Protein backbone atom coordinates (compact mmCIF):
# COMPACT_ATOMS: atom_id res chain seq x y z
CA UNK A 1 0.00 0.00 0.00
CA UNK A 2 1.25 3.44 -0.92
CA UNK A 3 0.11 6.80 0.41
CA UNK A 4 0.71 9.97 -1.54
CA UNK A 5 2.23 13.07 0.01
CA UNK A 6 -1.26 14.60 0.01
CA UNK A 7 -2.75 11.59 1.82
CA UNK A 8 -0.01 11.87 4.46
CA UNK A 9 -0.79 15.59 4.82
CA UNK A 10 -4.49 14.74 5.14
CA UNK A 11 -3.71 12.29 7.95
CA UNK A 12 -1.68 14.94 9.75
CA UNK A 13 -4.52 17.45 9.37
CA UNK A 14 -7.00 14.93 10.79
CA UNK A 15 -4.62 14.35 13.71
CA UNK A 16 -4.34 18.09 14.43
CA UNK A 17 -8.07 18.70 14.09
CA UNK A 18 -8.87 15.79 16.40
CA UNK A 19 -6.60 17.19 19.11
CA UNK A 20 -8.04 20.68 18.73
CA UNK A 21 -11.69 19.60 18.66
CA UNK A 22 -11.81 16.57 21.00
CA UNK A 23 -8.47 16.42 22.79
CA UNK A 24 -5.44 14.15 22.65
CA UNK A 25 -7.30 11.21 24.20
CA UNK A 26 -9.44 10.91 21.05
CA UNK A 27 -6.44 10.66 18.70
CA UNK A 28 -5.85 6.91 19.14
CA UNK A 29 -9.53 6.25 18.42
CA UNK A 30 -9.69 8.41 15.28
CA UNK A 31 -6.37 7.28 13.86
CA UNK A 32 -7.18 3.68 14.80
CA UNK A 33 -10.31 3.88 12.65
CA UNK A 34 -8.26 5.21 9.73
CA UNK A 35 -5.69 2.44 10.19
CA UNK A 36 -8.48 -0.14 10.22
CA UNK A 37 -9.75 1.34 6.95
CA UNK A 38 -6.26 1.13 5.42
CA UNK A 39 -5.99 -2.49 6.53
CA UNK A 40 -9.38 -3.30 5.04
CA UNK A 41 -8.41 -1.73 1.69
CA UNK A 42 -5.08 -3.50 1.66
CA UNK A 43 -6.82 -6.84 2.14
CA UNK A 44 -9.62 -6.15 -0.36
CA UNK A 45 -9.50 -2.94 -2.43
CA UNK A 46 -12.96 -3.74 -3.78
CA UNK A 47 -14.46 -4.15 -0.31
CA UNK A 48 -18.22 -3.85 0.03
CA UNK A 49 -19.04 -0.18 0.39
CA UNK A 50 -16.26 1.05 -1.89
CA UNK A 51 -17.38 2.85 -5.04
CA UNK A 52 -15.82 3.50 -8.41
CA UNK A 53 -15.25 7.21 -9.04
CA UNK A 54 -13.81 7.44 -12.53
CA UNK A 55 -15.00 11.06 -12.61
CA UNK A 56 -12.20 11.93 -10.15
CA UNK A 57 -9.30 10.09 -11.78
CA UNK A 58 -8.68 7.00 -13.91
CA UNK A 59 -9.29 3.86 -11.84
CA UNK A 60 -10.26 5.91 -8.80
CA UNK A 61 -12.35 4.44 -5.99
CA UNK A 62 -13.70 5.83 -2.71
CA UNK A 63 -14.13 4.02 0.59
CA UNK A 64 -15.70 5.69 3.62
CA UNK A 65 -14.53 5.25 7.19
CA UNK A 66 -16.59 7.24 9.70
CA UNK A 67 -16.60 10.83 8.40
CA UNK A 68 -13.61 10.41 6.07
CA UNK A 69 -13.17 8.84 2.68
CA UNK A 70 -10.11 7.17 1.26
CA UNK A 71 -9.72 8.18 -2.37
CA UNK A 72 -7.56 5.50 -3.95
CA UNK A 73 -6.83 3.33 -6.95
CA UNK A 74 -5.36 -0.07 -7.57
CA UNK A 75 -2.34 0.00 -9.85
CA UNK A 76 -0.99 -3.42 -10.74
CA UNK A 77 -1.46 -5.10 -7.34
CA UNK A 78 -0.74 -2.04 -5.19
CA UNK A 79 -3.37 0.12 -3.49
CA UNK A 80 -2.43 3.79 -3.91
CA UNK A 81 -4.14 6.25 -1.58
CA UNK A 82 -4.32 9.69 -3.19
CA UNK A 83 -6.27 11.58 -0.53
CA UNK A 84 -8.19 11.12 2.70
CA UNK A 85 -11.03 13.63 2.57
CA UNK A 86 -13.81 14.56 4.96
CA UNK A 87 -17.14 13.42 3.53
CA UNK A 88 -18.38 17.03 3.44
CA UNK A 89 -15.65 18.10 1.01
CA UNK A 90 -16.05 18.57 -2.72
CA UNK A 91 -14.03 15.60 -3.92
CA UNK A 92 -13.76 16.89 -7.50
CA UNK A 93 -12.13 20.09 -6.23
CA UNK A 94 -9.52 18.21 -4.19
CA UNK A 95 -8.79 15.26 -6.44
CA UNK A 96 -7.16 14.61 -9.80
CA UNK A 97 -4.53 12.29 -11.28
CA UNK A 98 -1.71 14.30 -9.69
CA UNK A 99 -2.99 13.49 -6.19
CA UNK A 100 -1.43 10.05 -6.57
CA UNK A 101 2.09 11.50 -7.01
């Protein structure tokens, strides 16, 4: 599994927001949910609940975990996470082919 620079920045932003909004004690819970989502995608990138989103990028899929969505694709046999976006965000505005770089 690969995470793009943007996906890593998204994870850091989620971490910071969680501390600010709910306190440090909530961080292990929130990040644990994201890690569980990563694990699920790594084991089955076409997991029930994931959706194709070719409108965002070629081969793109979305998988929701709580209030966040992994925006990813499968290239060869590797899952590439391009972004981790809050479900209230405009995905088209924050996603394109370059997000996977």
